[in-house]
Amino acid sequence: MKLQDQYPFDSAIVGLNGIYSTVGENSFFINSLCIVAEDHIITRGQNYLLCVSPDGNDVEFNEVKLLDAFYYDTSVNLIVQDLLSGIKYTITQCLECGEIHCNWMLVDTNFLLKKVKGEEHASK
């Protein structure tokens, strides 16, 4: 059972506001600057680069696997597993809090590489 089934949300309102929606069985649209992926869609079971800046200065990079995501009480919650240590943890981002401050970013490295290559070709 998907975690989203345990944390129901008003999909009509949230989806119409373009904030969060499920895409098929395993993917999630999350309209946040913290999600760097094609069309802001991330998929369960895929590997991502998690960039975290807990103090606002130094940045830590961890390769993680997305285990699940759910929307609850104005926030999106991502359950990830660190690929090196095997530790599972949840990262949270309030999507309806007015000011969005990302102290973490989940990056689809394949999308980032395509974007960089596309910009290189455009500049030539």
PDB file of N, CA and C in Angstrom:
ATOM      1  N   MET A   1       0.832  -1.182   0.000  1.00  0.00           N
ATOM      2  CA  MET A   1       0.000   0.000   0.000  1.00  0.00           C
ATOM      3  C   MET A   1       0.877   1.247   0.000  1.00  0.00           C
ATOM      4  N   LYS A   2       0.512   2.218  -0.828  1.00  0.00           N
ATOM      5  CA  LYS A   2       1.247   3.467  -0.897  1.00  0.00           C
ATOM      6  C   LYS A   2       0.975   4.290   0.358  1.00  0.00           C
ATOM      7  N   LEU A   3       1.980   5.017   0.802  1.00  0.00           N
ATOM      8  CA  LEU A   3       1.804   5.882   1.971  1.00  0.00           C
ATOM      9  C   LEU A   3       0.753   6.948   1.726  1.00  0.00           C
ATOM     10  N   GLN A   4       0.610   7.370   0.482  1.00  0.00           N
ATOM     11  CA  GLN A   4      -0.374   8.406   0.193  1.00  0.00           C
ATOM     12  C   GLN A   4      -1.774   7.947   0.581  1.00  0.00           C
ATOM     13  N   ASP A   5      -2.030   6.646   0.531  1.00  0.00           N
ATOM     14  CA  ASP A   5      -3.331   6.127   0.923  1.00  0.00           C
ATOM     15  C   ASP A   5      -3.594   6.333   2.413  1.00  0.00           C
ATOM     16  N   GLN A   6      -2.528   6.386   3.213  1.00  0.00           N
ATOM     17  CA  GLN A   6      -2.680   6.601   4.651  1.00  0.00           C
ATOM     18  C   GLN A   6      -2.789   8.077   5.005  1.00  0.00           C
ATOM     19  N   TYR A   7      -2.359   8.948   4.091  1.00  0.00           N
ATOM     20  CA  TYR A   7      -2.387  10.392   4.314  1.00  0.00           C
ATOM     21  C   TYR A   7      -3.189  11.042   3.198  1.00  0.00           C
ATOM     22  N   PRO A   8      -4.510  10.909   3.246  1.00  0.00           N
ATOM     23  CA  PRO A   8      -5.322  11.470   2.160  1.00  0.00           C
ATOM     24  C   PRO A   8      -5.215  12.992   2.116  1.00  0.00           C
ATOM     25  N   PHE A   9      -5.328  13.519   0.915  1.00  0.00           N
ATOM     26  CA  PHE A   9      -5.302  14.962   0.742  1.00  0.00           C
ATOM     27  C   PHE A   9      -6.411  15.320  -0.242  1.00  0.00           C
ATOM     28  N   ASP A  10      -6.805  16.558  -0.234  1.00  0.00           N
ATOM     29  CA  ASP A  10      -7.845  16.999  -1.150  1.00  0.00           C
ATOM     30  C   ASP A  10      -7.214  17.154  -2.528  1.00  0.00           C
ATOM     31  N   SER A  11      -7.176  16.055  -3.264  1.00  0.00           N
ATOM     32  CA  SER A  11      -6.459  16.021  -4.536  1.00  0.00           C
ATOM     33  C   SER A  11      -7.008  17.031  -5.534  1.00  0.00           C
ATOM     34  N   ALA A  12      -8.293  17.312  -5.494  1.00  0.00           N
ATOM     35  CA  ALA A  12      -8.865  18.276  -6.442  1.00  0.00           C
ATOM     36  C   ALA A  12      -8.285  19.668  -6.200  1.00  0.00           C
ATOM     37  N   ILE A  13      -8.302  20.121  -4.957  1.00  0.00           N
ATOM     38  CA  ILE A  13      -7.805  21.470  -4.651  1.00  0.00           C
ATOM     39  C   ILE A  13      -6.300  21.560  -4.839  1.00  0.00           C
ATOM     40  N   VAL A  14      -5.561  20.619  -4.264  1.00  0.00           N
ATOM     41  CA  VAL A  14      -4.104  20.655  -4.349  1.00  0.00           C
ATOM     42  C   VAL A  14      -3.654  20.479  -5.801  1.00  0.00           C
ATOM     43  N   GLY A  15      -4.302  19.574  -6.532  1.00  0.00           N
ATOM     44  CA  GLY A  15      -3.949  19.354  -7.933  1.00  0.00           C
ATOM     45  C   GLY A  15      -4.264  20.564  -8.793  1.00  0.00           C
ATOM     46  N   LEU A  16      -5.434  21.183  -8.585  1.00  0.00           N
ATOM     47  CA  LEU A  16      -5.799  22.363  -9.361  1.00  0.00           C
ATOM     48  C   LEU A  16      -4.894  23.544  -9.050  1.00  0.00           C
ATOM     49  N   ASN A  17      -4.418  23.635  -7.841  1.00  0.00           N
ATOM     50  CA  ASN A  17      -3.488  24.702  -7.478  1.00  0.00           C
ATOM     51  C   ASN A  17      -2.080  24.438  -8.011  1.00  0.00           C
ATOM     52  N   GLY A  18      -1.874  23.273  -8.609  1.00  0.00           N
ATOM     53  CA  GLY A  18      -0.565  22.959  -9.182  1.00  0.00           C
ATOM     54  C   GLY A  18       0.509  22.756  -8.143  1.00  0.00           C
ATOM     55  N   ILE A  19       0.135  22.225  -6.986  1.00  0.00           N
ATOM     56  CA  ILE A  19       1.082  22.062  -5.883  1.00  0.00           C
ATOM     57  C   ILE A  19       1.657  20.651  -5.844  1.00  0.00           C
ATOM     58  N   TYR A  20       0.781  19.658  -5.864  1.00  0.00           N
ATOM     59  CA  TYR A  20       1.202  18.268  -5.688  1.00  0.00           C
ATOM     60  C   TYR A  20       0.154  17.361  -6.317  1.00  0.00           C
ATOM     61  N   SER A  21       0.599  16.318  -6.978  1.00  0.00           N
ATOM     62  CA  SER A  21      -0.325  15.286  -7.455  1.00  0.00           C
ATOM     63  C   SER A  21       0.451  14.018  -7.738  1.00  0.00           C
ATOM     64  N   THR A  22      -0.239  12.911  -7.623  1.00  0.00           N
ATOM     65  CA  THR A  22       0.378  11.646  -7.986  1.00  0.00           C
ATOM     66  C   THR A  22       0.301  11.510  -9.502  1.00  0.00           C
ATOM     67  N   VAL A  23       1.286  10.835 -10.072  1.00  0.00           N
ATOM     68  CA  VAL A  23       1.347  10.607 -11.515  1.00  0.00           C
ATOM     69  C   VAL A  23       1.489   9.108 -11.708  1.00  0.00           C
ATOM     70  N   GLY A  24       0.403   8.445 -12.072  1.00  0.00           N
ATOM     71  CA  GLY A  24       0.445   6.992 -12.192  1.00  0.00           C
ATOM     72  C   GLY A  24       0.625   6.347 -10.829  1.00  0.00           C
ATOM     73  N   GLU A  25       1.216   5.159 -10.829  1.00  0.00           N
ATOM     74  CA  GLU A  25       1.388   4.402  -9.585  1.00  0.00           C
ATOM     75  C   GLU A  25       2.623   4.803  -8.779  1.00  0.00           C
ATOM     76  N   ASN A  26       3.696   5.262  -9.453  1.00  0.00           N
ATOM     77  CA  ASN A  26       4.968   5.433  -8.756  1.00  0.00           C
ATOM     78  C   ASN A  26       5.590   6.813  -8.825  1.00  0.00           C
ATOM     79  N   SER A  27       4.938   7.765  -9.451  1.00  0.00           N
ATOM     80  CA  SER A  27       5.547   9.077  -9.630  1.00  0.00           C
ATOM     81  C   SER A  27       4.720  10.160  -8.958  1.00  0.00           C
ATOM     82  N   PHE A  28       5.378  11.305  -8.719  1.00  0.00           N
ATOM     83  CA  PHE A  28       4.760  12.408  -8.009  1.00  0.00           C
ATOM     84  C   PHE A  28       5.169  13.723  -8.657  1.00  0.00           C
ATOM     85  N   PHE A  29       4.195  14.584  -8.905  1.00  0.00           N
ATOM     86  CA  PHE A  29       4.465  15.942  -9.345  1.00  0.00           C
ATOM     87  C   PHE A  29       4.507  16.804  -8.093  1.00  0.00           C
ATOM     88  N   ILE A  30       5.643  17.471  -7.886  1.00  0.00           N
ATOM     89  CA  ILE A  30       5.806  18.340  -6.720  1.00  0.00           C
ATOM     90  C   ILE A  30       6.318  19.684  -7.219  1.00  0.00           C
ATOM     91  N   ASN A  31       5.469  20.688  -7.158  1.00  0.00           N
ATOM     92  CA  ASN A  31       5.807  22.006  -7.681  1.00  0.00           C
ATOM     93  C   ASN A  31       6.595  22.776  -6.625  1.00  0.00           C
ATOM     94  N   SER A  32       7.896  22.526  -6.620  1.00  0.00           N
ATOM     95  CA  SER A  32       8.775  23.164  -5.649  1.00  0.00           C
ATOM     96  C   SER A  32      10.143  23.388  -6.280  1.00  0.00           C
ATOM     97  N   LEU A  33      10.775  24.498  -5.907  1.00  0.00           N
ATOM     98  CA  LEU A  33      12.136  24.754  -6.376  1.00  0.00           C
ATOM     99  C   LEU A  33      13.120  23.740  -5.804  1.00  0.00           C
ATOM    100  N   CYS A  34      12.710  23.014  -4.772  1.00  0.00           N
ATOM    101  CA  CYS A  34      13.571  22.015  -4.139  1.00  0.00           C
ATOM    102  C   CYS A  34      13.678  20.737  -4.982  1.00  0.00           C
ATOM    103  N   ILE A  35      12.804  20.593  -5.966  1.00  0.00           N
ATOM    104  CA  ILE A  35      12.798  19.403  -6.826  1.00  0.00           C
ATOM    105  C   ILE A  35      13.354  19.797  -8.186  1.00  0.00           C
ATOM    106  N   VAL A  36      14.523  19.266  -8.523  1.00  0.00           N
ATOM    107  CA  VAL A  36      15.150  19.543  -9.807  1.00  0.00           C
ATOM    108  C   VAL A  36      15.041  18.275 -10.647  1.00  0.00           C
ATOM    109  N   ALA A  37      13.938  18.212 -11.399  1.00  0.00           N
ATOM    110  CA  ALA A  37      13.651  17.050 -12.238  1.00  0.00           C
ATOM    111  C   ALA A  37      12.756  17.496 -13.379  1.00  0.00           C
ATOM    112  N   GLU A  38      12.707  16.704 -14.428  1.00  0.00           N
ATOM    113  CA  GLU A  38      11.871  17.037 -15.578  1.00  0.00           C
ATOM    114  C   GLU A  38      10.425  17.227 -15.136  1.00  0.00           C
ATOM    115  N   ASP A  39       9.881  18.387 -15.409  1.00  0.00           N
ATOM    116  CA  ASP A  39       8.508  18.752 -15.051  1.00  0.00           C
ATOM    117  C   ASP A  39       8.206  18.581 -13.565  1.00  0.00           C
ATOM    118  N   HIS A  40       9.238  18.599 -12.719  1.00  0.00           N
ATOM    119  CA  HIS A  40       9.097  18.437 -11.261  1.00  0.00           C
ATOM    120  C   HIS A  40       8.452  17.094 -10.904  1.00  0.00           C
ATOM    121  N   ILE A  41       8.722  16.068 -11.708  1.00  0.00           N
ATOM    122  CA  ILE A  41       8.168  14.736 -11.447  1.00  0.00           C
ATOM    123  C   ILE A  41       9.293  13.819 -10.982  1.00  0.00           C
ATOM    124  N   ILE A  42       9.078  13.213  -9.815  1.00  0.00           N
ATOM    125  CA  ILE A  42      10.041  12.254  -9.271  1.00  0.00           C
ATOM    126  C   ILE A  42       9.351  10.897  -9.148  1.00  0.00           C
ATOM    127  N   THR A  43      10.165   9.836  -9.151  1.00  0.00           N
ATOM    128  CA  THR A  43       9.619   8.485  -9.224  1.00  0.00           C
ATOM    129  C   THR A  43      10.201   7.601  -8.132  1.00  0.00           C
ATOM    130  N   ARG A  44       9.307   6.842  -7.501  1.00  0.00           N
ATOM    131  CA  ARG A  44       9.740   5.872  -6.487  1.00  0.00           C
ATOM    132  C   ARG A  44      10.713   4.874  -7.099  1.00  0.00           C
ATOM    133  N   GLY A  45      11.741   4.526  -6.318  1.00  0.00           N
ATOM    134  CA  GLY A  45      12.717   3.539  -6.762  1.00  0.00           C
ATOM    135  C   GLY A  45      13.868   4.114  -7.558  1.00  0.00           C
ATOM    136  N   GLN A  46      13.790   5.385  -7.932  1.00  0.00           N
ATOM    137  CA  GLN A  46      14.858   6.033  -8.692  1.00  0.00           C
ATOM    138  C   GLN A  46      15.884   6.638  -7.742  1.00  0.00           C
ATOM    139  N   ASN A  47      17.114   6.746  -8.237  1.00  0.00           N
ATOM    140  CA  ASN A  47      18.185   7.366  -7.462  1.00  0.00           C
ATOM    141  C   ASN A  47      18.269   8.852  -7.790  1.00  0.00           C
ATOM    142  N   TYR A  48      18.550   9.645  -6.765  1.00  0.00           N
ATOM    143  CA  TYR A  48      18.661  11.090  -6.896  1.00  0.00           C
ATOM    144  C   TYR A  48      19.846  11.566  -6.075  1.00  0.00           C
ATOM    145  N   LEU A  49      20.287  12.763  -6.373  1.00  0.00           N
ATOM    146  CA  LEU A  49      21.316  13.416  -5.582  1.00  0.00           C
ATOM    147  C   LEU A  49      20.607  14.361  -4.614  1.00  0.00           C
ATOM    148  N   LEU A  50      20.822  14.164  -3.331  1.00  0.00           N
ATOM    149  CA  LEU A  50      20.231  15.020  -2.311  1.00  0.00           C
ATOM    150  C   LEU A  50      21.302  16.000  -1.848  1.00  0.00           C
ATOM    151  N   CYS A  51      21.052  17.269  -2.071  1.00  0.00           N
ATOM    152  CA  CYS A  51      21.970  18.336  -1.673  1.00  0.00           C
ATOM    153  C   CYS A  51      21.353  19.021  -0.461  1.00  0.00           C
ATOM    154  N   VAL A  52      22.060  18.991   0.651  1.00  0.00           N
ATOM    155  CA  VAL A  52      21.528  19.529   1.898  1.00  0.00           C
ATOM    156  C   VAL A  52      22.480  20.597   2.427  1.00  0.00           C
ATOM    157  N   SER A  53      21.903  21.713   2.846  1.00  0.00           N
ATOM    158  CA  SER A  53      22.670  22.784   3.463  1.00  0.00           C
ATOM    159  C   SER A  53      22.030  23.106   4.805  1.00  0.00           C
ATOM    160  N   PRO A  54      22.337  22.301   5.829  1.00  0.00           N
ATOM    161  CA  PRO A  54      21.671  22.483   7.127  1.00  0.00           C
ATOM    162  C   PRO A  54      21.932  23.842   7.778  1.00  0.00           C
ATOM    163  N   ASP A  55      23.126  24.380   7.597  1.00  0.00           N
ATOM    164  CA  ASP A  55      23.448  25.658   8.238  1.00  0.00           C
ATOM    165  C   ASP A  55      23.403  26.834   7.266  1.00  0.00           C
ATOM    166  N   GLY A  56      23.088  26.570   6.009  1.00  0.00           N
ATOM    167  CA  GLY A  56      23.020  27.630   5.017  1.00  0.00           C
ATOM    168  C   GLY A  56      24.353  27.964   4.378  1.00  0.00           C
ATOM    169  N   ASN A  57      25.437  27.334   4.839  1.00  0.00           N
ATOM    170  CA  ASN A  57      26.766  27.611   4.286  1.00  0.00           C
ATOM    171  C   ASN A  57      27.321  26.405   3.535  1.00  0.00           C
ATOM    172  N   ASP A  58      27.615  25.344   4.257  1.00  0.00           N
ATOM    173  CA  ASP A  58      28.199  24.154   3.653  1.00  0.00           C
ATOM    174  C   ASP A  58      27.108  23.299   3.027  1.00  0.00           C
ATOM    175  N   VAL A  59      27.452  22.606   1.940  1.00  0.00           N
ATOM    176  CA  VAL A  59      26.498  21.741   1.260  1.00  0.00           C
ATOM    177  C   VAL A  59      27.004  20.311   1.314  1.00  0.00           C
ATOM    178  N   GLU A  60      26.122  19.411   1.732  1.00  0.00           N
ATOM    179  CA  GLU A  60      26.427  17.983   1.753  1.00  0.00           C
ATOM    180  C   GLU A  60      25.715  17.335   0.572  1.00  0.00           C
ATOM    181  N   PHE A  61      26.382  16.395  -0.088  1.00  0.00           N
ATOM    182  CA  PHE A  61      25.805  15.685  -1.218  1.00  0.00           C
ATOM    183  C   PHE A  61      25.690  14.213  -0.869  1.00  0.00           C
ATOM    184  N   ASN A  62      24.488  13.662  -1.031  1.00  0.00           N
ATOM    185  CA  ASN A  62      24.264  12.247  -0.758  1.00  0.00           C
ATOM    186  C   ASN A  62      23.456  11.656  -1.900  1.00  0.00           C
ATOM    187  N   GLU A  63      23.855  10.465  -2.340  1.00  0.00           N
ATOM    188  CA  GLU A  63      23.057   9.764  -3.336  1.00  0.00           C
ATOM    189  C   GLU A  63      21.999   8.968  -2.585  1.00  0.00           C
ATOM    190  N   VAL A  64      20.737   9.181  -2.947  1.00  0.00           N
ATOM    191  CA  VAL A  64      19.629   8.552  -2.248  1.00  0.00           C
ATOM    192  C   VAL A  64      18.679   7.896  -3.240  1.00  0.00           C
ATOM    193  N   LYS A  65      17.910   6.965  -2.726  1.00  0.00           N
ATOM    194  CA  LYS A  65      16.832   6.346  -3.496  1.00  0.00           C
ATOM    195  C   LYS A  65      15.525   6.847  -2.914  1.00  0.00           C
ATOM    196  N   LEU A  66      14.607   7.270  -3.782  1.00  0.00           N
ATOM    197  CA  LEU A  66      13.298   7.711  -3.321  1.00  0.00           C
ATOM    198  C   LEU A  66      12.444   6.487  -3.031  1.00  0.00           C
ATOM    199  N   LEU A  67      12.050   6.341  -1.779  1.00  0.00           N
ATOM    200  CA  LEU A  67      11.221   5.201  -1.389  1.00  0.00           C
ATOM    201  C   LEU A  67       9.738   5.522  -1.500  1.00  0.00           C
ATOM    202  N   ASP A  68       9.352   6.729  -1.131  1.00  0.00           N
ATOM    203  CA  ASP A  68       7.947   7.105  -1.221  1.00  0.00           C
ATOM    204  C   ASP A  68       7.817   8.606  -0.991  1.00  0.00           C
ATOM    205  N   ALA A  69       6.637   9.119  -1.283  1.00  0.00           N
ATOM    206  CA  ALA A  69       6.336  10.523  -1.051  1.00  0.00           C
ATOM    207  C   ALA A  69       4.864  10.624  -0.685  1.00  0.00           C
ATOM    208  N   PHE A  70       4.554  11.601   0.150  1.00  0.00           N
ATOM    209  CA  PHE A  70       3.161  11.853   0.465  1.00  0.00           C
ATOM    210  C   PHE A  70       2.979  13.309   0.856  1.00  0.00           C
ATOM    211  N   TYR A  71       1.773  13.799   0.639  1.00  0.00           N
ATOM    212  CA  TYR A  71       1.406  15.169   0.968  1.00  0.00           C
ATOM    213  C   TYR A  71       0.514  15.122   2.196  1.00  0.00           C
ATOM    214  N   TYR A  72       0.858  15.932   3.201  1.00  0.00           N
ATOM    215  CA  TYR A  72       0.055  15.949   4.421  1.00  0.00           C
ATOM    216  C   TYR A  72       0.186  17.311   5.094  1.00  0.00           C
ATOM    217  N   ASP A  73      -0.936  17.918   5.400  1.00  0.00           N
ATOM    218  CA  ASP A  73      -0.976  19.150   6.190  1.00  0.00           C
ATOM    219  C   ASP A  73      -0.079  20.239   5.598  1.00  0.00           C
ATOM    220  N   THR A  74      -0.272  20.574   4.345  1.00  0.00           N
ATOM    221  CA  THR A  74       0.422  21.620   3.577  1.00  0.00           C
ATOM    222  C   THR A  74       1.871  21.305   3.229  1.00  0.00           C
ATOM    223  N   SER A  75       2.365  20.124   3.579  1.00  0.00           N
ATOM    224  CA  SER A  75       3.768  19.795   3.316  1.00  0.00           C
ATOM    225  C   SER A  75       3.899  18.503   2.520  1.00  0.00           C
ATOM    226  N   VAL A  76       4.940  18.469   1.716  1.00  0.00           N
ATOM    227  CA  VAL A  76       5.283  17.236   1.032  1.00  0.00           C
ATOM    228  C   VAL A  76       6.388  16.571   1.848  1.00  0.00           C
ATOM    229  N   ASN A  77       6.288  15.260   1.965  1.00  0.00           N
ATOM    230  CA  ASN A  77       7.248  14.478   2.737  1.00  0.00           C
ATOM    231  C   ASN A  77       7.844  13.426   1.811  1.00  0.00           C
ATOM    232  N   LEU A  78       9.161  13.396   1.729  1.00  0.00           N
ATOM    233  CA  LEU A  78       9.848  12.422   0.894  1.00  0.00           C
ATOM    234  C   LEU A  78      10.606  11.455   1.785  1.00  0.00           C
ATOM    235  N   ILE A  79      10.367  10.182   1.602  1.00  0.00           N
ATOM    236  CA  ILE A  79      11.096   9.162   2.339  1.00  0.00           C
ATOM    237  C   ILE A  79      12.186   8.658   1.414  1.00  0.00           C
ATOM    238  N   VAL A  80      13.420   8.817   1.848  1.00  0.00           N
ATOM    239  CA  VAL A  80      14.571   8.446   1.031  1.00  0.00           C
ATOM    240  C   VAL A  80      15.491   7.520   1.819  1.00  0.00           C
ATOM    241  N   GLN A  81      16.334   6.812   1.074  1.00  0.00           N
ATOM    242  CA  GLN A  81      17.319   5.940   1.701  1.00  0.00           C
ATOM    243  C   GLN A  81      18.689   6.307   1.148  1.00  0.00           C
ATOM    244  N   ASP A  82      19.620   6.616   2.054  1.00  0.00           N
ATOM    245  CA  ASP A  82      20.984   6.915   1.665  1.00  0.00           C
ATOM    246  C   ASP A  82      21.603   5.651   1.087  1.00  0.00           C
ATOM    247  N   LEU A  83      22.171   5.726  -0.112  1.00  0.00           N
ATOM    248  CA  LEU A  83      22.697   4.528  -0.764  1.00  0.00           C
ATOM    249  C   LEU A  83      23.991   4.025  -0.141  1.00  0.00           C
ATOM    250  N   LEU A  84      24.764   4.907   0.489  1.00  0.00           N
ATOM    251  CA  LEU A  84      26.010   4.464   1.126  1.00  0.00           C
ATOM    252  C   LEU A  84      25.772   3.847   2.496  1.00  0.00           C
ATOM    253  N   SER A  85      24.997   4.535   3.327  1.00  0.00           N
ATOM    254  CA  SER A  85      24.808   4.065   4.704  1.00  0.00           C
ATOM    255  C   SER A  85      23.597   3.158   4.872  1.00  0.00           C
ATOM    256  N   GLY A  86      22.646   3.234   3.938  1.00  0.00           N
ATOM    257  CA  GLY A  86      21.420   2.448   4.061  1.00  0.00           C
ATOM    258  C   GLY A  86      20.391   3.068   5.000  1.00  0.00           C
ATOM    259  N   ILE A  87      20.702   4.225   5.572  1.00  0.00           N
ATOM    260  CA  ILE A  87      19.798   4.887   6.512  1.00  0.00           C
ATOM    261  C   ILE A  87      18.612   5.469   5.753  1.00  0.00           C
ATOM    262  N   LYS A  88      17.415   5.251   6.319  1.00  0.00           N
ATOM    263  CA  LYS A  88      16.188   5.807   5.743  1.00  0.00           C
ATOM    264  C   LYS A  88      15.762   7.003   6.580  1.00  0.00           C
ATOM    265  N   TYR A  89      15.348   8.073   5.913  1.00  0.00           N
ATOM    266  CA  TYR A  89      14.864   9.242   6.632  1.00  0.00           C
ATOM    267  C   TYR A  89      13.869  10.010   5.774  1.00  0.00           C
ATOM    268  N   THR A  90      13.164  10.932   6.413  1.00  0.00           N
ATOM    269  CA  THR A  90      12.142  11.724   5.742  1.00  0.00           C
ATOM    270  C   THR A  90      12.602  13.173   5.668  1.00  0.00           C
ATOM    271  N   ILE A  91      12.448  13.761   4.492  1.00  0.00           N
ATOM    272  CA  ILE A  91      12.702  15.189   4.336  1.00  0.00           C
ATOM    273  C   ILE A  91      11.357  15.854   4.024  1.00  0.00           C
ATOM    274  N   THR A  92      11.168  17.037   4.534  1.00  0.00           N
ATOM    275  CA  THR A  92       9.870  17.710   4.446  1.00  0.00           C
ATOM    276  C   THR A  92      10.035  19.107   3.876  1.00  0.00           C
ATOM    277  N   GLN A  93       9.048  19.523   3.093  1.00  0.00           N
ATOM    278  CA  GLN A  93       9.015  20.884   2.561  1.00  0.00           C
ATOM    279  C   GLN A  93       7.582  21.385   2.592  1.00  0.00           C
ATOM    280  N   CYS A  94       7.362  22.506   3.250  1.00  0.00           N
ATOM    281  CA  CYS A  94       6.038  23.125   3.261  1.00  0.00           C
ATOM    282  C   CYS A  94       5.823  23.791   1.903  1.00  0.00           C
ATOM    283  N   LEU A  95       4.760  23.394   1.214  1.00  0.00           N
ATOM    284  CA  LEU A  95       4.496  23.934  -0.118  1.00  0.00           C
ATOM    285  C   LEU A  95       3.504  25.090  -0.107  1.00  0.00           C
ATOM    286  N   GLU A  96       2.783  25.252   0.976  1.00  0.00           N
ATOM    287  CA  GLU A  96       1.763  26.297   1.022  1.00  0.00           C
ATOM    288  C   GLU A  96       2.063  27.330   2.107  1.00  0.00           C
ATOM    289  N   CYS A  97       3.337  27.523   2.413  1.00  0.00           N
ATOM    290  CA  CYS A  97       3.720  28.415   3.505  1.00  0.00           C
ATOM    291  C   CYS A  97       4.059  29.824   3.036  1.00  0.00           C
ATOM    292  N   GLY A  98       3.726  30.159   1.812  1.00  0.00           N
ATOM    293  CA  GLY A  98       4.062  31.488   1.316  1.00  0.00           C
ATOM    294  C   GLY A  98       5.492  31.528   0.818  1.00  0.00           C
ATOM    295  N   GLU A  99       6.430  31.752   1.704  1.00  0.00           N
ATOM    296  CA  GLU A  99       7.839  31.822   1.324  1.00  0.00           C
ATOM    297  C   GLU A  99       8.431  30.415   1.323  1.00  0.00           C
ATOM    298  N   ILE A 100       9.004  30.021   0.187  1.00  0.00           N
ATOM    299  CA  ILE A 100       9.630  28.697   0.071  1.00  0.00           C
ATOM    300  C   ILE A 100      11.126  28.865   0.301  1.00  0.00           C
ATOM    301  N   HIS A 101      11.612  28.229   1.328  1.00  0.00           N
ATOM    302  CA  HIS A 101      13.044  28.243   1.625  1.00  0.00           C
ATOM    303  C   HIS A 101      13.535  26.807   1.584  1.00  0.00           C
ATOM    304  N   CYS A 102      14.394  26.510   0.633  1.00  0.00           N
ATOM    305  CA  CYS A 102      14.904  25.144   0.482  1.00  0.00           C
ATOM    306  C   CYS A 102      16.256  25.027   1.175  1.00  0.00           C
ATOM    307  N   ASN A 103      16.313  24.197   2.194  1.00  0.00           N
ATOM    308  CA  ASN A 103      17.627  23.874   2.752  1.00  0.00           C
ATOM    309  C   ASN A 103      18.099  22.528   2.210  1.00  0.00           C
ATOM    310  N   TRP A 104      17.306  21.964   1.272  1.00  0.00           N
ATOM    311  CA  TRP A 104      17.693  20.750   0.569  1.00  0.00           C
ATOM    312  C   TRP A 104      17.154  20.818  -0.860  1.00  0.00           C
ATOM    313  N   MET A 105      17.801  20.083  -1.736  1.00  0.00           N
ATOM    314  CA  MET A 105      17.324  19.949  -3.119  1.00  0.00           C
ATOM    315  C   MET A 105      17.478  18.492  -3.524  1.00  0.00           C
ATOM    316  N   LEU A 106      16.454  17.951  -4.158  1.00  0.00           N
ATOM    317  CA  LEU A 106      16.501  16.603  -4.697  1.00  0.00           C
ATOM    318  C   LEU A 106      16.707  16.748  -6.198  1.00  0.00           C
ATOM    319  N   VAL A 107      17.824  16.229  -6.697  1.00  0.00           N
ATOM    320  CA  VAL A 107      18.236  16.470  -8.080  1.00  0.00           C
ATOM    321  C   VAL A 107      18.251  15.168  -8.860  1.00  0.00           C
ATOM    322  N   ASP A 108      17.543  15.156  -9.989  1.00  0.00           N
ATOM    323  CA  ASP A 108      17.626  14.055 -10.942  1.00  0.00           C
ATOM    324  C   ASP A 108      18.849  14.345 -11.802  1.00  0.00           C
ATOM    325  N   THR A 109      19.929  13.602 -11.589  1.00  0.00           N
ATOM    326  CA  THR A 109      21.187  13.899 -12.275  1.00  0.00           C
ATOM    327  C   THR A 109      21.071  13.712 -13.784  1.00  0.00           C
ATOM    328  N   ASN A 110      20.252  12.773 -14.248  1.00  0.00           N
ATOM    329  CA  ASN A 110      20.064  12.601 -15.692  1.00  0.00           C
ATOM    330  C   ASN A 110      19.420  13.844 -16.304  1.00  0.00           C
ATOM    331  N   PHE A 111      18.427  14.394 -15.644  1.00  0.00           N
ATOM    332  CA  PHE A 111      17.776  15.619 -16.108  1.00  0.00           C
ATOM    333  C   PHE A 111      18.772  16.774 -16.118  1.00  0.00           C
ATOM    334  N   LEU A 112      19.568  16.877 -15.066  1.00  0.00           N
ATOM    335  CA  LEU A 112      20.546  17.958 -14.972  1.00  0.00           C
ATOM    336  C   LEU A 112      21.573  17.862 -16.093  1.00  0.00           C
ATOM    337  N   LEU A 113      22.046  16.661 -16.385  1.00  0.00           N
ATOM    338  CA  LEU A 113      23.018  16.473 -17.474  1.00  0.00           C
ATOM    339  C   LEU A 113      22.411  16.833 -18.826  1.00  0.00           C
ATOM    340  N   LYS A 114      21.166  16.442 -19.070  1.00  0.00           N
ATOM    341  CA  LYS A 114      20.488  16.809 -20.327  1.00  0.00           C
ATOM    342  C   LYS A 114      20.368  18.321 -20.448  1.00  0.00           C
ATOM    343  N   LYS A 115      20.030  18.960 -19.353  1.00  0.00           N
ATOM    344  CA  LYS A 115      19.859  20.413 -19.350  1.00  0.00           C
ATOM    345  C   LYS A 115      21.192  21.109 -19.630  1.00  0.00           C
ATOM    346  N   VAL A 116      22.261  20.639 -19.004  1.00  0.00           N
ATOM    347  CA  VAL A 116      23.582  21.234 -19.218  1.00  0.00           C
ATOM    348  C   VAL A 116      24.023  21.022 -20.666  1.00  0.00           C
ATOM    349  N   LYS A 117      23.842  19.821 -21.199  1.00  0.00           N
ATOM    350  CA  LYS A 117      24.220  19.555 -22.590  1.00  0.00           C
ATOM    351  C   LYS A 117      23.394  20.399 -23.542  1.00  0.00           C
ATOM    352  N   GLY A 118      22.106  20.579 -23.259  1.00  0.00           N
ATOM    353  CA  GLY A 118      21.250  21.414 -24.093  1.00  0.00           C
ATOM    354  C   GLY A 118      21.696  22.861 -24.094  1.00  0.00           C
ATOM    355  N   GLU A 119      22.129  23.373 -22.955  1.00  0.00           N
ATOM    356  CA  GLU A 119      22.597  24.753 -22.860  1.00  0.00           C
ATOM    357  C   GLU A 119      23.935  24.921 -23.574  1.00  0.00           C
ATOM    358  N   GLU A 120      24.789  23.875 -23.551  1.00  0.00           N
ATOM    359  CA  GLU A 120      26.061  23.937 -24.260  1.00  0.00           C
ATOM    360  C   GLU A 120      25.823  24.052 -25.757  1.00  0.00           C
ATOM    361  N   HIS A 121      24.867  23.241 -26.267  1.00  0.00           N
ATOM    362  CA  HIS A 121      24.571  23.286 -27.702  1.00  0.00           C
ATOM    363  C   HIS A 121      23.933  24.610 -28.094  1.00  0.00           C
ATOM    364  N   ALA A 122      23.125  25.159 -27.222  1.00  0.00           N
ATOM    365  CA  ALA A 122      22.450  26.420 -27.515  1.00  0.00           C
ATOM    366  C   ALA A 122      23.432  27.586 -27.568  1.00  0.00           C
ATOM    367  N   SER A 123      24.504  27.495 -26.781  1.00  0.00           N
ATOM    368  CA  SER A 123      25.467  28.603 -26.738  1.00  0.00           C
ATOM    369  C   SER A 123      26.473  28.556 -27.877  1.00  0.00           C
ATOM    370  N   LYS A 124      26.526  27.458 -28.621  1.00  0.00           N
ATOM    371  CA  LYS A 124      27.501  27.341 -29.720  1.00  0.00           C
ATOM    372  C   LYS A 124      26.983  27.943 -30.999  1.00  0.00           C
TER     373      LYS A 124
END
